[in-house]
C-alpha atoms as a PDB file:
ATOM      1  CA  MET A   1       7.285   7.486  27.294  1.00  0.00           C
ATOM      2  CA  SER A   2       4.539   7.110  24.694  1.00  0.00           C
ATOM      3  CA  ALA A   3       4.980   4.655  21.825  1.00  0.00           C
ATOM      4  CA  ALA A   4       2.897   6.893  19.583  1.00  0.00           C
ATOM      5  CA  MET A   5       4.657   8.253  16.489  1.00  0.00           C
ATOM      6  CA  THR A   6       4.668  11.845  15.451  1.00  0.00           C
ATOM      7  CA  LYS A   7       3.176  12.866  12.120  1.00  0.00           C
ATOM      8  CA  GLU A   8       6.641  13.001  10.618  1.00  0.00           C
ATOM      9  CA  GLU A   9       7.682   9.635  12.048  1.00  0.00           C
ATOM     10  CA  ARG A  10       4.551   7.858  10.809  1.00  0.00           C
ATOM     11  CA  GLU A  11       4.795   9.331   7.333  1.00  0.00           C
ATOM     12  CA  ALA A  12       8.488   8.395   7.057  1.00  0.00           C
ATOM     13  CA  PHE A  13       7.662   4.875   8.266  1.00  0.00           C
ATOM     14  CA  LEU A  14       4.810   4.441   5.768  1.00  0.00           C
ATOM     15  CA  ALA A  15       7.071   5.709   3.002  1.00  0.00           C
ATOM     16  CA  GLY A  16       9.679   3.080   3.860  1.00  0.00           C
ATOM     17  CA  VAL A  17       9.889  -0.414   2.301  1.00  0.00           C
ATOM     18  CA  HIS A  18       7.327  -2.763   3.941  1.00  0.00           C
ATOM     19  CA  VAL A  19       4.934  -5.319   2.550  1.00  0.00           C
ATOM     20  CA  GLY A  20       1.533  -3.874   3.397  1.00  0.00           C
ATOM     21  CA  VAL A  21      -1.545  -5.709   4.313  1.00  0.00           C
ATOM     22  CA  ILE A  22      -4.719  -4.265   2.746  1.00  0.00           C
ATOM     23  CA  SER A  23      -8.194  -4.846   4.221  1.00  0.00           C
ATOM     24  CA  ILE A  24     -11.387  -4.183   2.348  1.00  0.00           C
ATOM     25  CA  ALA A  25     -14.903  -4.561   3.759  1.00  0.00           C
ATOM     26  CA  ARG A  26     -17.259  -7.039   2.087  1.00  0.00           C
ATOM     27  CA  PRO A  27     -21.011  -7.248   2.851  1.00  0.00           C
ATOM     28  CA  ASP A  28     -21.272 -11.046   2.930  1.00  0.00           C
ATOM     29  CA  ARG A  29     -17.956 -12.130   4.483  1.00  0.00           C
ATOM     30  CA  ALA A  30     -15.193 -11.015   6.663  1.00  0.00           C
ATOM     31  CA  PRO A  31     -12.969  -8.241   5.134  1.00  0.00           C
ATOM     32  CA  LEU A  32     -10.728  -9.259   2.328  1.00  0.00           C
ATOM     33  CA  THR A  33      -7.220  -9.040   3.833  1.00  0.00           C
ATOM     34  CA  VAL A  34      -4.105  -9.639   1.615  1.00  0.00           C
ATOM     35  CA  PRO A  35      -0.486  -8.605   1.446  1.00  0.00           C
ATOM     36  CA  VAL A  36       0.406  -6.000  -1.181  1.00  0.00           C
ATOM     37  CA  TRP A  37       3.181  -3.814  -2.468  1.00  0.00           C
ATOM     38  CA  TYR A  38       2.181  -0.219  -1.947  1.00  0.00           C
ATOM     39  CA  HIS A  39       3.704   3.205  -2.449  1.00  0.00           C
ATOM     40  CA  TYR A  40       3.421   6.347  -0.302  1.00  0.00           C
ATOM     41  CA  THR A  41       5.024   9.735  -0.517  1.00  0.00           C
ATOM     42  CA  PRO A  42       4.744  11.815   2.736  1.00  0.00           C
ATOM     43  CA  GLY A  43       1.785  14.167   2.529  1.00  0.00           C
ATOM     44  CA  GLY A  44       0.385  12.348  -0.470  1.00  0.00           C
ATOM     45  CA  GLU A  45      -1.637   9.270  -1.328  1.00  0.00           C
ATOM     46  CA  VAL A  46      -1.137   5.554  -0.793  1.00  0.00           C
ATOM     47  CA  TYR A  47      -1.496   3.508  -3.943  1.00  0.00           C
ATOM     48  CA  VAL A  48      -1.633  -0.186  -4.809  1.00  0.00           C
ATOM     49  CA  ILE A  49      -1.792  -1.947  -8.128  1.00  0.00           C
ATOM     50  CA  THR A  50      -3.933  -4.906  -8.852  1.00  0.00           C
ATOM     51  CA  GLY A  51      -5.552  -6.719 -11.753  1.00  0.00           C
ATOM     52  CA  SER A  52      -8.831  -5.055 -12.842  1.00  0.00           C
ATOM     53  CA  THR A  53     -10.809  -8.269 -12.530  1.00  0.00           C
ATOM     54  CA  THR A  54      -9.370  -9.596  -9.185  1.00  0.00           C
ATOM     55  CA  ARG A  55     -11.415 -10.061  -5.989  1.00  0.00           C
ATOM     56  CA  LYS A  56      -9.393  -7.236  -4.606  1.00  0.00           C
ATOM     57  CA  ALA A  57     -10.433  -4.749  -7.381  1.00  0.00           C
ATOM     58  CA  GLN A  58     -14.026  -5.928  -7.188  1.00  0.00           C
ATOM     59  CA  ALA A  59     -14.101  -5.446  -3.367  1.00  0.00           C
ATOM     60  CA  LEU A  60     -12.432  -2.014  -3.708  1.00  0.00           C
ATOM     61  CA  ARG A  61     -15.013  -0.836  -6.239  1.00  0.00           C
ATOM     62  CA  ALA A  62     -17.837  -2.035  -4.021  1.00  0.00           C
ATOM     63  CA  ALA A  63     -16.521  -0.733  -0.710  1.00  0.00           C
ATOM     64  CA  GLY A  64     -15.024   2.484  -1.940  1.00  0.00           C
ATOM     65  CA  ARG A  65     -12.487   2.499   0.838  1.00  0.00           C
ATOM     66  CA  PHE A  66      -9.735   0.421   2.404  1.00  0.00           C
ATOM     67  CA  SER A  67      -7.214   0.204   5.173  1.00  0.00           C
ATOM     68  CA  LEU A  68      -3.570  -0.619   4.918  1.00  0.00           C
ATOM     69  CA  CYS A  69      -1.186  -1.751   7.637  1.00  0.00           C
ATOM     70  CA  ALA A  70       2.625  -1.675   7.347  1.00  0.00           C
ATOM     71  CA  GLN A  71       4.810  -3.141  10.084  1.00  0.00           C
ATOM     72  CA  SER A  72       8.359  -3.834  11.044  1.00  0.00           C
ATOM     73  CA  GLU A  73       8.952  -7.515  11.665  1.00  0.00           C
ATOM     74  CA  ALA A  74      11.952  -7.117  13.882  1.00  0.00           C
ATOM     75  CA  PHE A  75      12.085  -6.110  17.486  1.00  0.00           C
ATOM     76  CA  PRO A  76      11.400  -3.492  18.593  1.00  0.00           C
ATOM     77  CA  TYR A  77       8.168  -3.597  16.568  1.00  0.00           C
ATOM     78  CA  SER A  78       6.474  -0.635  14.861  1.00  0.00           C
ATOM     79  CA  TYR A  79       3.451  -0.234  12.736  1.00  0.00           C
ATOM     80  CA  VAL A  80       1.452   2.280  10.854  1.00  0.00           C
ATOM     81  CA  THR A  81      -2.232   1.721   9.817  1.00  0.00           C
ATOM     82  CA  VAL A  82      -4.055   4.127   7.527  1.00  0.00           C
ATOM     83  CA  GLU A  83      -7.582   4.133   6.202  1.00  0.00           C
ATOM     84  CA  GLY A  84      -9.693   6.233   3.862  1.00  0.00           C
ATOM     85  CA  PRO A  85     -11.855   6.396   0.804  1.00  0.00           C
ATOM     86  CA  VAL A  86     -10.641   5.364  -2.631  1.00  0.00           C
ATOM     87  CA  SER A  87      -9.741   8.663  -4.358  1.00  0.00           C
ATOM     88  CA  ALA A  88      -9.047   7.137  -7.772  1.00  0.00           C
ATOM     89  CA  LEU A  89      -9.277   3.782  -9.465  1.00  0.00           C
ATOM     90  CA  GLU A  90      -7.774   4.094 -12.925  1.00  0.00           C
ATOM     91  CA  GLU A  91      -5.614   2.371 -15.487  1.00  0.00           C
ATOM     92  CA  VAL A  92      -1.968   1.922 -14.449  1.00  0.00           C
ATOM     93  CA  ASP A  93       0.542   4.178 -16.084  1.00  0.00           C
ATOM     94  CA  LEU A  94       3.870   2.398 -16.486  1.00  0.00           C
ATOM     95  CA  GLU A  95       6.118   5.362 -15.613  1.00  0.00           C
ATOM     96  CA  ARG A  96       3.884   7.145 -13.096  1.00  0.00           C
ATOM     97  CA  ASP A  97       2.746   4.002 -11.200  1.00  0.00           C
ATOM     98  CA  LEU A  98       4.329   0.627 -11.961  1.00  0.00           C
ATOM     99  CA  ARG A  99       8.006   1.575 -12.390  1.00  0.00           C
ATOM    100  CA  PRO A 100       8.201   3.620  -9.148  1.00  0.00           C
ATOM    101  CA  LEU A 101       6.487   0.837  -7.247  1.00  0.00           C
ATOM    102  CA  ALA A 102       8.776  -1.827  -8.581  1.00  0.00           C
ATOM    103  CA  ARG A 103      11.846   0.307  -7.846  1.00  0.00           C
ATOM    104  CA  HIS A 104      10.611   0.983  -4.334  1.00  0.00           C
ATOM    105  CA  TYR A 105      10.731  -2.755  -3.553  1.00  0.00           C
ATOM    106  CA  LEU A 106      13.504  -4.041  -5.851  1.00  0.00           C
ATOM    107  CA  GLY A 107      15.770  -1.033  -6.360  1.00  0.00           C
ATOM    108  CA  VAL A 108      16.382   0.687  -9.737  1.00  0.00           C
ATOM    109  CA  GLU A 109      17.933  -2.276 -11.538  1.00  0.00           C
ATOM    110  CA  GLY A 110      15.652  -4.878 -10.087  1.00  0.00           C
ATOM    111  CA  GLY A 111      12.588  -2.741 -10.544  1.00  0.00           C
ATOM    112  CA  ASP A 112      13.356  -1.933 -14.162  1.00  0.00           C
ATOM    113  CA  GLN A 113      13.963  -5.713 -14.788  1.00  0.00           C
ATOM    114  CA  TYR A 114      10.654  -6.475 -13.126  1.00  0.00           C
ATOM    115  CA  VAL A 115       8.886  -4.116 -15.525  1.00  0.00           C
ATOM    116  CA  VAL A 116      10.628  -5.733 -18.524  1.00  0.00           C
ATOM    117  CA  ASP A 117       9.903  -9.286 -17.287  1.00  0.00           C
ATOM    118  CA  SER A 118       6.262  -8.525 -16.655  1.00  0.00           C
ATOM    119  CA  GLY A 119       5.828  -6.749 -19.972  1.00  0.00           C
ATOM    120  CA  GLY A 120       4.719  -3.674 -18.064  1.00  0.00           C
ATOM    121  CA  ILE A 121       1.807  -5.437 -16.463  1.00  0.00           C
ATOM    122  CA  VAL A 122       1.432  -7.816 -13.539  1.00  0.00           C
ATOM    123  CA  ALA A 123       0.684 -11.434 -14.423  1.00  0.00           C
ATOM    124  CA  GLY A 124      -1.051 -10.506 -17.705  1.00  0.00           C
ATOM    125  CA  TRP A 125      -3.925  -8.693 -16.062  1.00  0.00           C
ATOM    126  CA  SER A 126      -5.279  -5.361 -17.213  1.00  0.00           C
ATOM    127  CA  ASP A 127      -4.016  -3.500 -14.191  1.00  0.00           C
ATOM    128  CA  VAL A 128      -5.585  -0.719 -12.177  1.00  0.00           C
ATOM    129  CA  VAL A 129      -4.003   1.611  -9.696  1.00  0.00           C
ATOM    130  CA  VAL A 130      -6.054   2.361  -6.602  1.00  0.00           C
ATOM    131  CA  ARG A 131      -5.292   5.535  -4.675  1.00  0.00           C
ATOM    132  CA  MET A 132      -6.318   6.584  -1.198  1.00  0.00           C
ATOM    133  CA  ARG A 133      -5.515   9.777   0.775  1.00  0.00           C
ATOM    134  CA  PRO A 134      -5.239   8.612   4.386  1.00  0.00           C
ATOM    135  CA  GLN A 135      -7.940  10.104   6.594  1.00  0.00           C
ATOM    136  CA  HIS A 136      -7.221   8.102   9.805  1.00  0.00           C
ATOM    137  CA  TRP A 137      -3.937   6.988  11.161  1.00  0.00           C
ATOM    138  CA  SER A 138      -2.743   4.650  13.910  1.00  0.00           C
ATOM    139  CA  ALA A 139       1.033   4.468  14.469  1.00  0.00           C
ATOM    140  CA  PHE A 140       3.168   3.019  17.234  1.00  0.00           C
ATOM    141  CA  ASP A 141       6.880   2.456  17.693  1.00  0.00           C
ATOM    142  CA  TYR A 142       7.357   0.125  20.668  1.00  0.00           C
ATOM    143  CA  GLY A 143      11.052   0.977  20.609  1.00  0.00           C
ATOM    144  CA  LYS A 144      10.168   4.301  22.197  1.00  0.00           C
ATOM    145  CA  GLU A 145       9.079   2.470  25.357  1.00  0.00           C
ATOM    146  CA  ALA A 146      12.460   0.811  25.846  1.00  0.00           C
END
């Protein structure tokens, strides 16, 4: 049996709660690769939030595209990787972007507290949301082989 995921399986997996790892090409070094919180709704865009002056934001502006990998860290392992061009890089909206992302990872109560504790921004940065509509997918569920 194949370990490949169906379209529905991969979209459901990516919409789940996983710490993602984003990779962004750089001309003078290896890709910038860092863990991130991300949000995805099946059929929609992936988005991440970062400070507007971070290395991540600078690399995203320069490259204009990124890849993101989400994985399960328990056996049997599964992962989904997506890549595509940046479709928007804009100022974060608290209700549209930050609160749903915080609630995704911390639940309603914890997410709302995170927004309050951070003052609606992350670490005092002027935040940006970076969106990408996945063009290429790679997705495997090794549990299907068992």
